[in-house]
Amino acid sequence: MKIIFATANEGKMREIRRIADACGNYYVCSLKEAGIMPEINENGTSFEENALIKVRAVGPQEDALVMADDSGIEIDAFQGAPGVYSARFMGEDTSYTVKNRAILDRMQGLTAEERGARYRCVIALLFPDGTERVFEDCMEGRITEGEPRGEGGFGYDPIFYVPEANKTAAELTDSEKDAVSHRGKALRKAFLALQTGEIS
């Protein structure tokens, strides 16, 4: 099954392809590989709205499913921010090294219990007939109390502590991250629904 994933983020594409390969016989290509470069204005106020904006910008394809995600980090001490604005927090051109440091600085003095956070992901699917479906999941954790740790992952991973693994998301191996990540969980929900015939 061919899937066009509406992203230009190479780190995200690597993660998606790993999960898709583990779930079944899927050929996943990026917008660039599909030769489709729509203008996407992510102006939704929720992850679901933005994921649907992305697949609708691509539009139904005769020979493929269109899939997109929107995801981000929700920090309890910031009343759920940056949330849907995670990529744009402090400006899209600001490095995550700077963003992560700013978050740690703002949270100085907070206890572990006050540092709760989660990564949330919504996957949207658009079928050739125009049918849409969405799947959602999250990865619970907290913001680290020390310095950023780990060289893997991307984004806020070096400051996102995963209690069940006793590591930051950036310290997880690819297989460890795929098993517990918000994107991995949401994608597996979508692939399971496809495989079981719940959606087709």
N, C-alpha and C. Protein backbone atom coordinates (compact mmCIF):
# COMPACT_ATOMS: atom_id res chain seq x y z
N MET A 1 0.85 -1.19 0.00
CA MET A 1 0.00 0.00 0.00
C MET A 1 0.89 1.25 0.00
N LYS A 2 0.59 2.16 -0.89
CA LYS A 2 1.36 3.40 -0.98
C LYS A 2 0.75 4.47 -0.08
N ILE A 3 1.60 5.11 0.69
CA ILE A 3 1.17 6.20 1.57
C ILE A 3 2.04 7.42 1.30
N ILE A 4 1.40 8.53 1.04
CA ILE A 4 2.11 9.80 0.91
C ILE A 4 1.99 10.51 2.25
N PHE A 5 3.11 10.74 2.90
CA PHE A 5 3.09 11.38 4.21
C PHE A 5 3.41 12.87 4.04
N ALA A 6 2.50 13.70 4.51
CA ALA A 6 2.58 15.14 4.27
C ALA A 6 3.55 15.80 5.25
N THR A 7 4.84 15.61 5.00
CA THR A 7 5.86 16.28 5.80
C THR A 7 7.12 16.48 4.98
N ALA A 8 7.89 17.48 5.36
CA ALA A 8 9.20 17.69 4.77
C ALA A 8 10.29 17.43 5.81
N ASN A 9 9.89 16.98 7.00
CA ASN A 9 10.80 16.75 8.12
C ASN A 9 11.46 15.37 7.96
N GLU A 10 12.76 15.36 7.66
CA GLU A 10 13.45 14.10 7.40
C GLU A 10 13.55 13.23 8.65
N GLY A 11 13.74 13.85 9.82
CA GLY A 11 13.77 13.08 11.06
C GLY A 11 12.46 12.36 11.30
N LYS A 12 11.38 13.05 11.05
CA LYS A 12 10.06 12.44 11.20
C LYS A 12 9.84 11.33 10.18
N MET A 13 10.30 11.53 8.93
CA MET A 13 10.13 10.50 7.90
C MET A 13 10.88 9.23 8.27
N ARG A 14 12.07 9.35 8.82
CA ARG A 14 12.82 8.14 9.23
C ARG A 14 12.03 7.36 10.27
N GLU A 15 11.48 8.09 11.23
CA GLU A 15 10.71 7.45 12.30
C GLU A 15 9.46 6.77 11.74
N ILE A 16 8.76 7.46 10.87
CA ILE A 16 7.53 6.93 10.28
C ILE A 16 7.81 5.68 9.46
N ARG A 17 8.89 5.71 8.68
CA ARG A 17 9.21 4.54 7.86
C ARG A 17 9.55 3.33 8.71
N ARG A 18 10.28 3.54 9.81
CA ARG A 18 10.61 2.42 10.70
C ARG A 18 9.33 1.79 11.23
N ILE A 19 8.42 2.61 11.68
CA ILE A 19 7.18 2.10 12.28
C ILE A 19 6.32 1.42 11.21
N ALA A 20 6.25 2.02 10.02
CA ALA A 20 5.47 1.43 8.94
C ALA A 20 6.03 0.08 8.53
N ASP A 21 7.37 -0.02 8.45
CA ASP A 21 8.00 -1.29 8.07
C ASP A 21 7.68 -2.39 9.09
N ALA A 22 7.61 -2.01 10.36
CA ALA A 22 7.32 -2.99 11.41
C ALA A 22 5.85 -3.40 11.41
N CYS A 23 5.00 -2.58 10.81
CA CYS A 23 3.55 -2.84 10.85
C CYS A 23 3.02 -3.59 9.64
N GLY A 24 3.77 -3.61 8.55
CA GLY A 24 3.25 -4.31 7.38
C GLY A 24 3.90 -3.86 6.10
N ASN A 25 3.25 -4.17 5.00
CA ASN A 25 3.79 -3.91 3.67
C ASN A 25 3.33 -2.54 3.17
N TYR A 26 4.02 -1.51 3.62
CA TYR A 26 3.65 -0.14 3.25
C TYR A 26 4.84 0.55 2.58
N TYR A 27 4.55 1.25 1.52
CA TYR A 27 5.55 2.10 0.89
C TYR A 27 5.21 3.54 1.25
N VAL A 28 6.06 4.15 2.06
CA VAL A 28 5.78 5.51 2.54
C VAL A 28 6.75 6.48 1.88
N CYS A 29 6.19 7.50 1.23
CA CYS A 29 7.03 8.50 0.59
C CYS A 29 6.66 9.89 1.11
N SER A 30 7.63 10.77 1.04
CA SER A 30 7.42 12.15 1.47
C SER A 30 6.75 12.94 0.36
N LEU A 31 6.35 14.15 0.65
CA LEU A 31 5.77 15.02 -0.37
C LEU A 31 6.76 15.24 -1.51
N LYS A 32 8.01 15.47 -1.16
CA LYS A 32 9.04 15.71 -2.18
C LYS A 32 9.19 14.51 -3.10
N GLU A 33 9.22 13.31 -2.50
CA GLU A 33 9.36 12.09 -3.29
C GLU A 33 8.14 11.86 -4.18
N ALA A 34 6.98 12.30 -3.71
CA ALA A 34 5.75 12.14 -4.49
C ALA A 34 5.59 13.23 -5.54
N GLY A 35 6.48 14.24 -5.50
CA GLY A 35 6.39 15.34 -6.45
C GLY A 35 5.22 16.26 -6.19
N ILE A 36 4.81 16.33 -4.92
CA ILE A 36 3.68 17.18 -4.54
C ILE A 36 4.19 18.21 -3.53
N MET A 37 4.03 19.46 -3.83
CA MET A 37 4.51 20.50 -2.92
C MET A 37 3.39 21.53 -2.68
N PRO A 38 2.37 21.13 -1.93
CA PRO A 38 1.26 22.06 -1.68
C PRO A 38 1.65 23.15 -0.69
N GLU A 39 0.95 24.23 -0.74
CA GLU A 39 1.14 25.27 0.28
C GLU A 39 0.28 24.89 1.48
N ILE A 40 0.92 24.70 2.61
CA ILE A 40 0.21 24.26 3.81
C ILE A 40 0.28 25.35 4.86
N ASN A 41 -0.85 25.84 5.25
CA ASN A 41 -0.94 26.90 6.27
C ASN A 41 -1.50 26.28 7.54
N GLU A 42 -0.60 25.91 8.45
CA GLU A 42 -1.02 25.25 9.69
C GLU A 42 -1.57 26.29 10.68
N ASN A 43 -2.79 26.69 10.45
CA ASN A 43 -3.39 27.73 11.31
C ASN A 43 -4.49 27.17 12.21
N GLY A 44 -4.50 25.86 12.40
CA GLY A 44 -5.47 25.25 13.29
C GLY A 44 -5.15 25.53 14.74
N THR A 45 -6.14 25.35 15.59
CA THR A 45 -5.94 25.57 17.02
C THR A 45 -5.84 24.27 17.80
N SER A 46 -5.79 23.15 17.09
CA SER A 46 -5.62 21.84 17.73
C SER A 46 -4.76 20.98 16.84
N PHE A 47 -4.20 19.91 17.41
CA PHE A 47 -3.41 18.97 16.62
C PHE A 47 -4.26 18.34 15.52
N GLU A 48 -5.51 18.00 15.84
CA GLU A 48 -6.39 17.38 14.85
C GLU A 48 -6.64 18.32 13.68
N GLU A 49 -6.93 19.57 13.97
CA GLU A 49 -7.18 20.54 12.89
C GLU A 49 -5.97 20.65 11.97
N ASN A 50 -4.77 20.75 12.55
CA ASN A 50 -3.58 20.90 11.72
C ASN A 50 -3.28 19.64 10.91
N ALA A 51 -3.47 18.47 11.49
CA ALA A 51 -3.24 17.23 10.74
C ALA A 51 -4.20 17.15 9.55
N LEU A 52 -5.45 17.53 9.76
CA LEU A 52 -6.43 17.51 8.67
C LEU A 52 -6.12 18.58 7.62
N ILE A 53 -5.64 19.75 8.06
CA ILE A 53 -5.24 20.79 7.11
C ILE A 53 -4.18 20.25 6.15
N LYS A 54 -3.23 19.47 6.69
CA LYS A 54 -2.13 18.95 5.87
C LYS A 54 -2.62 17.95 4.83
N VAL A 55 -3.47 16.99 5.22
CA VAL A 55 -3.92 16.01 4.23
C VAL A 55 -4.85 16.66 3.21
N ARG A 56 -5.65 17.62 3.63
CA ARG A 56 -6.55 18.30 2.69
C ARG A 56 -5.77 19.16 1.70
N ALA A 57 -4.63 19.69 2.13
CA ALA A 57 -3.79 20.48 1.22
C ALA A 57 -3.25 19.61 0.09
N VAL A 58 -2.94 18.36 0.41
CA VAL A 58 -2.48 17.41 -0.62
C VAL A 58 -3.65 16.97 -1.48
N GLY A 59 -4.78 16.68 -0.84
CA GLY A 59 -5.97 16.24 -1.55
C GLY A 59 -5.97 14.75 -1.82
N PRO A 60 -7.14 14.19 -2.12
CA PRO A 60 -7.23 12.74 -2.40
C PRO A 60 -6.36 12.36 -3.60
N GLN A 61 -5.71 11.20 -3.48
CA GLN A 61 -4.86 10.67 -4.55
C GLN A 61 -5.42 9.33 -5.02
N GLU A 62 -5.46 9.13 -6.32
CA GLU A 62 -6.05 7.91 -6.87
C GLU A 62 -5.32 6.65 -6.43
N ASP A 63 -3.99 6.76 -6.30
CA ASP A 63 -3.18 5.56 -6.10
C ASP A 63 -2.56 5.47 -4.71
N ALA A 64 -3.00 6.30 -3.78
CA ALA A 64 -2.32 6.31 -2.47
C ALA A 64 -3.23 6.87 -1.38
N LEU A 65 -2.93 6.44 -0.17
CA LEU A 65 -3.48 7.11 1.00
C LEU A 65 -2.62 8.33 1.28
N VAL A 66 -3.24 9.39 1.76
CA VAL A 66 -2.49 10.55 2.22
C VAL A 66 -2.55 10.53 3.74
N MET A 67 -1.41 10.70 4.37
CA MET A 67 -1.33 10.65 5.82
C MET A 67 -0.54 11.86 6.31
N ALA A 68 -0.91 12.38 7.46
CA ALA A 68 -0.17 13.49 8.06
C ALA A 68 -0.29 13.38 9.57
N ASP A 69 0.63 14.03 10.25
CA ASP A 69 0.49 14.11 11.70
C ASP A 69 0.68 15.54 12.14
N ASP A 70 0.16 15.83 13.29
CA ASP A 70 0.56 17.05 13.99
C ASP A 70 0.81 16.62 15.42
N SER A 71 1.88 17.12 15.96
CA SER A 71 2.28 16.67 17.28
C SER A 71 3.03 17.77 17.99
N GLY A 72 3.16 17.62 19.29
CA GLY A 72 3.89 18.60 20.06
C GLY A 72 3.95 18.20 21.52
N ILE A 73 4.56 19.06 22.29
CA ILE A 73 4.75 18.79 23.71
C ILE A 73 3.83 19.70 24.51
N GLU A 74 3.19 19.11 25.52
CA GLU A 74 2.32 19.85 26.43
C GLU A 74 2.94 19.81 27.82
N ILE A 75 3.23 20.98 28.38
CA ILE A 75 3.88 21.07 29.68
C ILE A 75 2.88 21.57 30.71
N ASP A 76 2.65 20.77 31.74
CA ASP A 76 1.61 21.11 32.72
C ASP A 76 1.86 22.46 33.38
N ALA A 77 3.12 22.76 33.70
CA ALA A 77 3.44 24.01 34.39
C ALA A 77 3.17 25.24 33.51
N PHE A 78 3.06 25.01 32.19
CA PHE A 78 2.75 26.09 31.25
C PHE A 78 1.31 25.99 30.76
N GLN A 79 0.45 25.32 31.55
CA GLN A 79 -0.96 25.14 31.20
C GLN A 79 -1.13 24.48 29.82
N GLY A 80 -0.26 23.52 29.53
CA GLY A 80 -0.36 22.77 28.29
C GLY A 80 0.41 23.35 27.12
N ALA A 81 1.00 24.53 27.30
CA ALA A 81 1.82 25.12 26.23
C ALA A 81 3.19 24.40 26.18
N PRO A 82 3.91 24.46 25.07
CA PRO A 82 3.55 25.14 23.82
C PRO A 82 2.52 24.40 22.97
N GLY A 83 2.25 23.12 23.25
CA GLY A 83 1.17 22.41 22.59
C GLY A 83 1.22 22.50 21.07
N VAL A 84 0.11 22.95 20.48
CA VAL A 84 0.00 23.00 19.02
C VAL A 84 1.02 23.96 18.42
N TYR A 85 1.59 24.83 19.24
CA TYR A 85 2.59 25.78 18.75
C TYR A 85 4.03 25.33 19.05
N SER A 86 4.23 24.04 19.30
CA SER A 86 5.55 23.53 19.70
C SER A 86 6.64 23.89 18.70
N ALA A 87 6.37 23.71 17.40
CA ALA A 87 7.40 24.00 16.40
C ALA A 87 7.66 25.49 16.28
N ARG A 88 6.65 26.30 16.63
CA ARG A 88 6.78 27.76 16.47
C ARG A 88 7.13 28.46 17.78
N PHE A 89 7.30 27.71 18.85
CA PHE A 89 7.65 28.28 20.15
C PHE A 89 8.95 29.06 20.04
N MET A 90 8.94 30.31 20.42
CA MET A 90 10.11 31.20 20.33
C MET A 90 10.55 31.45 18.89
N GLY A 91 9.71 31.11 17.92
CA GLY A 91 10.04 31.33 16.51
C GLY A 91 10.51 30.06 15.83
N GLU A 92 10.02 29.83 14.62
CA GLU A 92 10.35 28.60 13.89
C GLU A 92 11.84 28.49 13.59
N ASP A 93 12.53 29.61 13.47
CA ASP A 93 13.95 29.57 13.13
C ASP A 93 14.86 29.47 14.36
N THR A 94 14.25 29.46 15.55
CA THR A 94 15.04 29.32 16.77
C THR A 94 15.43 27.86 16.96
N SER A 95 16.68 27.60 17.27
CA SER A 95 17.13 26.21 17.43
C SER A 95 16.51 25.59 18.67
N TYR A 96 16.39 24.25 18.62
CA TYR A 96 15.84 23.56 19.78
C TYR A 96 16.79 23.59 20.95
N THR A 97 18.06 23.79 20.71
CA THR A 97 19.01 23.97 21.82
C THR A 97 18.60 25.19 22.63
N VAL A 98 18.26 26.26 21.95
CA VAL A 98 17.82 27.49 22.62
C VAL A 98 16.45 27.31 23.27
N LYS A 99 15.53 26.67 22.56
CA LYS A 99 14.19 26.45 23.10
C LYS A 99 14.24 25.58 24.36
N ASN A 100 15.02 24.51 24.29
CA ASN A 100 15.12 23.61 25.44
C ASN A 100 15.73 24.30 26.65
N ARG A 101 16.74 25.12 26.42
CA ARG A 101 17.37 25.84 27.51
C ARG A 101 16.38 26.82 28.12
N ALA A 102 15.59 27.49 27.31
CA ALA A 102 14.61 28.45 27.82
C ALA A 102 13.56 27.76 28.69
N ILE A 103 13.13 26.58 28.29
CA ILE A 103 12.15 25.83 29.08
C ILE A 103 12.76 25.42 30.42
N LEU A 104 13.97 24.89 30.39
CA LEU A 104 14.62 24.48 31.64
C LEU A 104 14.80 25.68 32.57
N ASP A 105 15.18 26.81 32.02
CA ASP A 105 15.38 28.01 32.85
C ASP A 105 14.07 28.47 33.49
N ARG A 106 12.99 28.41 32.73
CA ARG A 106 11.69 28.84 33.25
C ARG A 106 11.16 27.90 34.32
N MET A 107 11.65 26.66 34.33
CA MET A 107 11.14 25.66 35.26
C MET A 107 12.06 25.43 36.45
N GLN A 108 13.08 26.26 36.59
CA GLN A 108 13.99 26.11 37.72
C GLN A 108 13.22 26.18 39.04
N GLY A 109 13.55 25.27 39.96
CA GLY A 109 12.92 25.27 41.27
C GLY A 109 11.68 24.42 41.37
N LEU A 110 11.15 23.93 40.24
CA LEU A 110 9.96 23.08 40.28
C LEU A 110 10.36 21.65 40.63
N THR A 111 9.51 20.99 41.42
CA THR A 111 9.75 19.60 41.80
C THR A 111 9.43 18.67 40.64
N ALA A 112 9.84 17.42 40.78
CA ALA A 112 9.54 16.42 39.74
C ALA A 112 8.04 16.33 39.49
N GLU A 113 7.25 16.41 40.57
CA GLU A 113 5.80 16.30 40.45
C GLU A 113 5.21 17.49 39.70
N GLU A 114 5.92 18.61 39.70
CA GLU A 114 5.43 19.81 39.03
C GLU A 114 5.93 19.93 37.58
N ARG A 115 6.67 18.91 37.14
CA ARG A 115 7.30 18.98 35.83
C ARG A 115 6.62 18.07 34.81
N GLY A 116 5.40 17.67 35.08
CA GLY A 116 4.67 16.76 34.20
C GLY A 116 4.54 17.32 32.78
N ALA A 117 4.64 16.42 31.80
CA ALA A 117 4.53 16.81 30.40
C ALA A 117 4.17 15.58 29.58
N ARG A 118 3.74 15.83 28.38
CA ARG A 118 3.45 14.73 27.47
C ARG A 118 3.67 15.18 26.04
N TYR A 119 4.06 14.25 25.22
CA TYR A 119 4.05 14.44 23.78
C TYR A 119 2.70 13.91 23.28
N ARG A 120 2.03 14.67 22.44
CA ARG A 120 0.75 14.24 21.87
C ARG A 120 0.86 14.22 20.34
N CYS A 121 0.24 13.24 19.72
CA CYS A 121 0.27 13.11 18.27
C CYS A 121 -1.12 12.76 17.74
N VAL A 122 -1.53 13.44 16.68
CA VAL A 122 -2.73 13.08 15.95
C VAL A 122 -2.33 12.73 14.53
N ILE A 123 -2.76 11.55 14.07
CA ILE A 123 -2.53 11.10 12.70
C ILE A 123 -3.84 11.27 11.93
N ALA A 124 -3.76 11.91 10.77
CA ALA A 124 -4.93 12.04 9.89
C ALA A 124 -4.69 11.22 8.63
N LEU A 125 -5.73 10.54 8.17
CA LEU A 125 -5.69 9.77 6.92
C LEU A 125 -6.74 10.33 5.97
N LEU A 126 -6.36 10.42 4.69
CA LEU A 126 -7.28 10.84 3.64
C LEU A 126 -7.27 9.76 2.57
N PHE A 127 -8.44 9.17 2.30
CA PHE A 127 -8.56 8.09 1.36
C PHE A 127 -8.89 8.62 -0.04
N PRO A 128 -8.66 7.79 -1.07
CA PRO A 128 -8.94 8.26 -2.44
C PRO A 128 -10.36 8.77 -2.65
N ASP A 129 -11.32 8.25 -1.88
CA ASP A 129 -12.71 8.70 -2.05
C ASP A 129 -13.04 9.94 -1.21
N GLY A 130 -12.02 10.49 -0.53
CA GLY A 130 -12.24 11.70 0.26
C GLY A 130 -12.57 11.44 1.72
N THR A 131 -12.71 10.16 2.10
CA THR A 131 -12.98 9.82 3.50
C THR A 131 -11.79 10.21 4.37
N GLU A 132 -12.08 10.72 5.56
CA GLU A 132 -11.03 11.12 6.50
C GLU A 132 -11.18 10.35 7.80
N ARG A 133 -10.04 10.01 8.40
CA ARG A 133 -10.04 9.40 9.73
C ARG A 133 -8.89 10.00 10.53
N VAL A 134 -9.05 10.05 11.86
CA VAL A 134 -7.98 10.53 12.72
C VAL A 134 -7.75 9.56 13.87
N PHE A 135 -6.50 9.47 14.31
CA PHE A 135 -6.08 8.62 15.42
C PHE A 135 -5.16 9.44 16.32
N GLU A 136 -5.27 9.24 17.62
CA GLU A 136 -4.51 10.07 18.57
C GLU A 136 -3.92 9.22 19.67
N ASP A 137 -2.74 9.61 20.14
CA ASP A 137 -2.16 8.98 21.32
C ASP A 137 -1.10 9.91 21.90
N CYS A 138 -0.59 9.55 23.07
CA CYS A 138 0.40 10.41 23.70
C CYS A 138 1.44 9.58 24.45
N MET A 139 2.54 10.22 24.80
CA MET A 139 3.60 9.63 25.63
C MET A 139 3.76 10.52 26.86
N GLU A 140 3.48 9.96 28.02
CA GLU A 140 3.56 10.71 29.27
C GLU A 140 4.99 10.73 29.81
N GLY A 141 5.35 11.82 30.44
CA GLY A 141 6.67 11.93 31.04
C GLY A 141 6.78 13.22 31.82
N ARG A 142 7.99 13.74 31.88
CA ARG A 142 8.18 15.03 32.54
C ARG A 142 9.44 15.71 32.00
N ILE A 143 9.53 16.99 32.27
CA ILE A 143 10.70 17.75 31.86
C ILE A 143 11.83 17.46 32.83
N THR A 144 13.02 17.24 32.30
CA THR A 144 14.17 16.88 33.14
C THR A 144 14.50 18.01 34.12
N GLU A 145 15.12 17.62 35.20
CA GLU A 145 15.54 18.60 36.21
C GLU A 145 16.98 19.05 35.99
N GLY A 146 17.74 18.32 35.19
CA GLY A 146 19.13 18.68 34.95
C GLY A 146 19.33 19.19 33.53
N GLU A 147 20.49 18.89 33.00
CA GLU A 147 20.84 19.34 31.66
C GLU A 147 20.17 18.45 30.60
N PRO A 148 20.03 18.95 29.38
CA PRO A 148 19.55 18.09 28.28
C PRO A 148 20.46 16.88 28.14
N ARG A 149 19.87 15.73 27.82
CA ARG A 149 20.65 14.49 27.72
C ARG A 149 20.26 13.72 26.48
N GLY A 150 21.27 13.17 25.82
CA GLY A 150 21.04 12.28 24.68
C GLY A 150 21.30 12.95 23.35
N GLU A 151 21.70 12.12 22.39
CA GLU A 151 22.04 12.61 21.06
C GLU A 151 21.02 12.18 20.01
N GLY A 152 20.07 11.33 20.38
CA GLY A 152 19.10 10.84 19.41
C GLY A 152 17.87 11.73 19.34
N GLY A 153 16.93 11.30 18.52
CA GLY A 153 15.67 12.02 18.42
C GLY A 153 15.84 13.41 17.84
N PHE A 154 14.88 14.26 18.14
CA PHE A 154 14.94 15.64 17.67
C PHE A 154 13.98 16.47 18.52
N GLY A 155 13.98 17.77 18.30
CA GLY A 155 13.05 18.64 19.02
C GLY A 155 13.33 18.71 20.51
N TYR A 156 12.30 18.44 21.30
CA TYR A 156 12.38 18.55 22.75
C TYR A 156 12.84 17.25 23.41
N ASP A 157 13.22 16.26 22.63
CA ASP A 157 13.59 14.95 23.18
C ASP A 157 14.66 15.00 24.27
N PRO A 158 15.69 15.86 24.17
CA PRO A 158 16.74 15.84 25.21
C PRO A 158 16.28 16.31 26.58
N ILE A 159 15.13 16.98 26.68
CA ILE A 159 14.64 17.42 27.99
C ILE A 159 13.37 16.71 28.40
N PHE A 160 12.94 15.71 27.62
CA PHE A 160 11.72 14.97 27.94
C PHE A 160 12.10 13.63 28.55
N TYR A 161 11.84 13.48 29.84
CA TYR A 161 12.20 12.27 30.58
C TYR A 161 11.06 11.26 30.50
N VAL A 162 11.41 10.03 30.14
CA VAL A 162 10.44 8.93 30.02
C VAL A 162 10.61 8.01 31.22
N PRO A 163 9.73 8.09 32.23
CA PRO A 163 9.95 7.35 33.48
C PRO A 163 10.12 5.84 33.31
N GLU A 164 9.31 5.22 32.42
CA GLU A 164 9.37 3.76 32.31
C GLU A 164 10.71 3.28 31.75
N ALA A 165 11.41 4.16 31.04
CA ALA A 165 12.71 3.79 30.48
C ALA A 165 13.87 4.35 31.30
N ASN A 166 13.57 5.28 32.22
CA ASN A 166 14.60 5.96 33.00
C ASN A 166 15.63 6.64 32.08
N LYS A 167 15.13 7.21 31.00
CA LYS A 167 15.97 7.90 30.03
C LYS A 167 15.18 9.09 29.48
N THR A 168 15.91 10.03 28.89
CA THR A 168 15.21 11.03 28.09
C THR A 168 14.85 10.39 26.75
N ALA A 169 13.92 11.03 26.04
CA ALA A 169 13.54 10.51 24.72
C ALA A 169 14.72 10.50 23.77
N ALA A 170 15.68 11.43 23.98
CA ALA A 170 16.87 11.48 23.13
C ALA A 170 17.89 10.40 23.46
N GLU A 171 17.72 9.74 24.61
CA GLU A 171 18.62 8.64 24.99
C GLU A 171 18.07 7.28 24.58
N LEU A 172 16.83 7.23 24.14
CA LEU A 172 16.23 5.97 23.74
C LEU A 172 16.82 5.50 22.41
N THR A 173 16.97 4.19 22.26
CA THR A 173 17.31 3.65 20.94
C THR A 173 16.09 3.82 20.04
N ASP A 174 16.30 3.66 18.74
CA ASP A 174 15.18 3.80 17.81
C ASP A 174 14.04 2.85 18.17
N SER A 175 14.38 1.59 18.47
CA SER A 175 13.34 0.60 18.76
C SER A 175 12.64 0.92 20.08
N GLU A 176 13.40 1.39 21.06
CA GLU A 176 12.78 1.77 22.34
C GLU A 176 11.82 2.94 22.14
N LYS A 177 12.25 3.93 21.37
CA LYS A 177 11.40 5.10 21.16
C LYS A 177 10.15 4.73 20.37
N ASP A 178 10.31 3.94 19.32
CA ASP A 178 9.15 3.57 18.50
C ASP A 178 8.10 2.84 19.32
N ALA A 179 8.54 2.07 20.33
CA ALA A 179 7.61 1.28 21.15
C ALA A 179 6.75 2.14 22.07
N VAL A 180 7.28 3.30 22.50
CA VAL A 180 6.56 4.08 23.51
C VAL A 180 6.17 5.48 23.05
N SER A 181 6.65 5.90 21.87
CA SER A 181 6.41 7.29 21.47
C SER A 181 4.97 7.55 21.10
N HIS A 182 4.58 8.79 21.24
CA HIS A 182 3.24 9.24 20.85
C HIS A 182 2.98 8.95 19.38
N ARG A 183 3.97 9.20 18.53
CA ARG A 183 3.78 8.97 17.09
C ARG A 183 3.69 7.48 16.79
N GLY A 184 4.54 6.69 17.45
CA GLY A 184 4.50 5.24 17.25
C GLY A 184 3.15 4.67 17.64
N LYS A 185 2.62 5.08 18.78
CA LYS A 185 1.33 4.57 19.24
C LYS A 185 0.20 4.98 18.30
N ALA A 186 0.19 6.24 17.89
CA ALA A 186 -0.88 6.72 17.00
C ALA A 186 -0.80 6.05 15.63
N LEU A 187 0.42 5.90 15.10
CA LEU A 187 0.57 5.23 13.81
C LEU A 187 0.13 3.78 13.87
N ARG A 188 0.48 3.08 14.95
CA ARG A 188 0.07 1.69 15.06
C ARG A 188 -1.45 1.56 15.14
N LYS A 189 -2.11 2.51 15.78
CA LYS A 189 -3.58 2.51 15.78
C LYS A 189 -4.11 2.60 14.35
N ALA A 190 -3.51 3.51 13.57
CA ALA A 190 -3.96 3.70 12.19
C ALA A 190 -3.70 2.46 11.34
N PHE A 191 -2.50 1.89 11.45
CA PHE A 191 -2.17 0.71 10.66
C PHE A 191 -3.03 -0.49 11.07
N LEU A 192 -3.30 -0.63 12.37
CA LEU A 192 -4.15 -1.74 12.83
C LEU A 192 -5.55 -1.60 12.26
N ALA A 193 -6.07 -0.39 12.22
CA ALA A 193 -7.40 -0.17 11.66
C ALA A 193 -7.43 -0.52 10.18
N LEU A 194 -6.36 -0.21 9.47
CA LEU A 194 -6.27 -0.58 8.05
C LEU A 194 -6.20 -2.10 7.87
N GLN A 195 -5.41 -2.75 8.72
CA GLN A 195 -5.20 -4.19 8.58
C GLN A 195 -6.42 -5.00 8.95
N THR A 196 -7.18 -4.54 9.92
CA THR A 196 -8.34 -5.29 10.38
C THR A 196 -9.59 -5.00 9.57
N GLY A 197 -9.46 -4.06 8.63
CA GLY A 197 -10.63 -3.73 7.80
C GLY A 197 -11.58 -2.78 8.46
N GLU A 198 -11.20 -2.25 9.64
CA GLU A 198 -12.06 -1.26 10.28
C GLU A 198 -12.24 -0.05 9.38
N ILE A 199 -11.16 0.29 8.65
CA ILE A 199 -11.23 1.31 7.62
C ILE A 199 -10.55 0.76 6.39
N SER A 200 -10.96 1.18 5.24
CA SER A 200 -10.35 0.67 4.00
C SER A 200 -10.54 1.67 2.87
